[in-house]
Amino acid sequence: MSDVENLNVALTRGQVASLNAAVEAGEYSSTSEIVREAVQDWQIKRGLRAEDISELRELVEIGIASGPDTEFDMKALRHEARQRLANAKKTSGP
């Protein structure tokens, strides 16, 4: 780890106690290792969030490009849904 910088971070007493407990339990070799892992997890999560936002933007663009929405009759949709449900119950048997 030749490209390492020291950084001061303010944590609550409870957070520090949790870090120290994990080190004492042998889960990690140092509190620095825990913080590095947490930062790596944050970087991954941040990257995934950026991908999700990009995907949502693409979907919005697809929706916009598809043209204006069309009007629909809610009563007719409910009626059709009820008919499909009734037909499905008939074909599945008792």
Protein backbone atom coordinates (compact mmCIF):
# COMPACT_ATOMS: atom_id res chain seq x y z
CA MET A 1 0.00 0.00 0.00
CA SER A 2 2.51 2.53 -1.16
CA ASP A 3 -0.10 5.09 -2.17
CA VAL A 4 -1.66 5.56 1.27
CA GLU A 5 -2.68 8.80 2.93
CA ASN A 6 -3.63 9.34 6.53
CA LEU A 7 -7.01 10.89 7.13
CA ASN A 8 -8.57 12.07 10.36
CA VAL A 9 -12.18 10.98 10.78
CA ALA A 10 -14.51 11.93 13.62
CA LEU A 11 -16.60 9.01 14.87
CA THR A 12 -18.97 8.60 17.77
CA ARG A 13 -17.87 6.65 20.84
CA GLY A 14 -20.26 3.88 19.86
CA GLN A 15 -18.78 3.62 16.37
CA VAL A 16 -15.25 3.48 17.76
CA ALA A 17 -16.32 0.83 20.26
CA SER A 18 -17.80 -1.25 17.41
CA LEU A 19 -14.59 -0.96 15.39
CA ASN A 20 -12.44 -1.91 18.37
CA ALA A 21 -14.71 -4.85 19.21
CA ALA A 22 -14.39 -6.20 15.66
CA VAL A 23 -10.59 -5.95 15.86
CA GLU A 24 -10.49 -7.57 19.32
CA ALA A 25 -12.71 -10.40 18.04
CA GLY A 26 -10.20 -11.06 15.28
CA GLU A 27 -12.57 -10.11 12.47
CA TYR A 28 -10.12 -7.46 11.25
CA SER A 29 -6.46 -6.78 11.85
CA SER A 30 -6.98 -3.05 12.46
CA THR A 31 -9.57 -0.32 12.55
CA SER A 32 -7.97 1.09 9.41
CA GLU A 33 -8.79 -2.15 7.60
CA ILE A 34 -12.44 -1.78 8.60
CA VAL A 35 -12.58 1.80 7.37
CA ARG A 36 -10.90 0.86 4.07
CA GLU A 37 -13.46 -1.90 3.55
CA ALA A 38 -16.29 0.50 4.36
CA VAL A 39 -14.97 3.01 1.83
CA GLN A 40 -14.65 0.29 -0.81
CA ASP A 41 -18.26 -0.78 -0.12
CA TRP A 42 -19.36 2.85 -0.40
CA GLN A 43 -17.54 3.21 -3.73
CA ILE A 44 -19.27 0.12 -5.10
CA LYS A 45 -22.66 1.29 -3.85
CA ARG A 46 -22.07 4.73 -5.35
CA GLY A 47 -21.17 3.19 -8.71
CA LEU A 48 -24.27 1.02 -8.68
CA ARG A 49 -26.43 4.02 -7.83
CA ALA A 50 -24.93 5.93 -10.77
CA GLU A 51 -25.71 2.97 -13.06
CA ASP A 52 -29.30 2.88 -11.78
CA ILE A 53 -29.71 6.61 -12.39
CA SER A 54 -28.31 6.23 -15.90
CA GLU A 55 -30.69 3.34 -16.61
CA LEU A 56 -33.66 5.33 -15.30
CA ARG A 57 -32.71 8.28 -17.49
CA GLU A 58 -32.59 5.98 -20.52
CA LEU A 59 -36.03 4.61 -19.66
CA VAL A 60 -37.41 8.14 -19.30
CA GLU A 61 -36.00 9.00 -22.73
CA ILE A 62 -37.58 5.87 -24.21
CA GLY A 63 -40.89 6.85 -22.63
CA ILE A 64 -40.68 10.38 -23.97
CA ALA A 65 -39.72 9.13 -27.43
CA SER A 66 -42.71 6.76 -27.48
CA GLY A 67 -45.02 9.73 -27.75
CA PRO A 68 -47.86 11.05 -25.66
CA ASP A 69 -49.86 8.77 -23.45
CA THR A 70 -53.26 7.55 -24.51
CA GLU A 71 -56.46 7.85 -22.57
CA PHE A 72 -58.02 4.75 -21.15
CA ASP A 73 -61.30 3.80 -19.58
CA MET A 74 -60.71 2.59 -16.02
CA LYS A 75 -64.12 0.92 -15.82
CA ALA A 76 -63.39 -1.05 -18.98
CA LEU A 77 -59.97 -2.08 -17.65
CA ARG A 78 -61.49 -3.30 -14.39
CA HIS A 79 -64.19 -5.19 -16.27
CA GLU A 80 -61.60 -6.86 -18.50
CA ALA A 81 -59.46 -7.77 -15.49
CA ARG A 82 -62.43 -9.31 -13.69
CA GLN A 83 -63.32 -11.32 -16.79
CA ARG A 84 -59.77 -12.62 -17.09
CA LEU A 85 -59.75 -13.58 -13.42
CA ALA A 86 -63.09 -15.37 -13.76
CA ASN A 87 -61.84 -17.24 -16.85
CA ALA A 88 -58.63 -18.21 -15.08
CA LYS A 89 -60.61 -19.58 -12.13
CA LYS A 90 -62.83 -21.61 -14.51
CA THR A 91 -59.86 -23.18 -16.30
CA SER A 92 -57.94 -23.97 -13.10
CA GLY A 93 -60.84 -25.95 -11.69
CA PRO A 94 -62.17 -26.25 -8.13
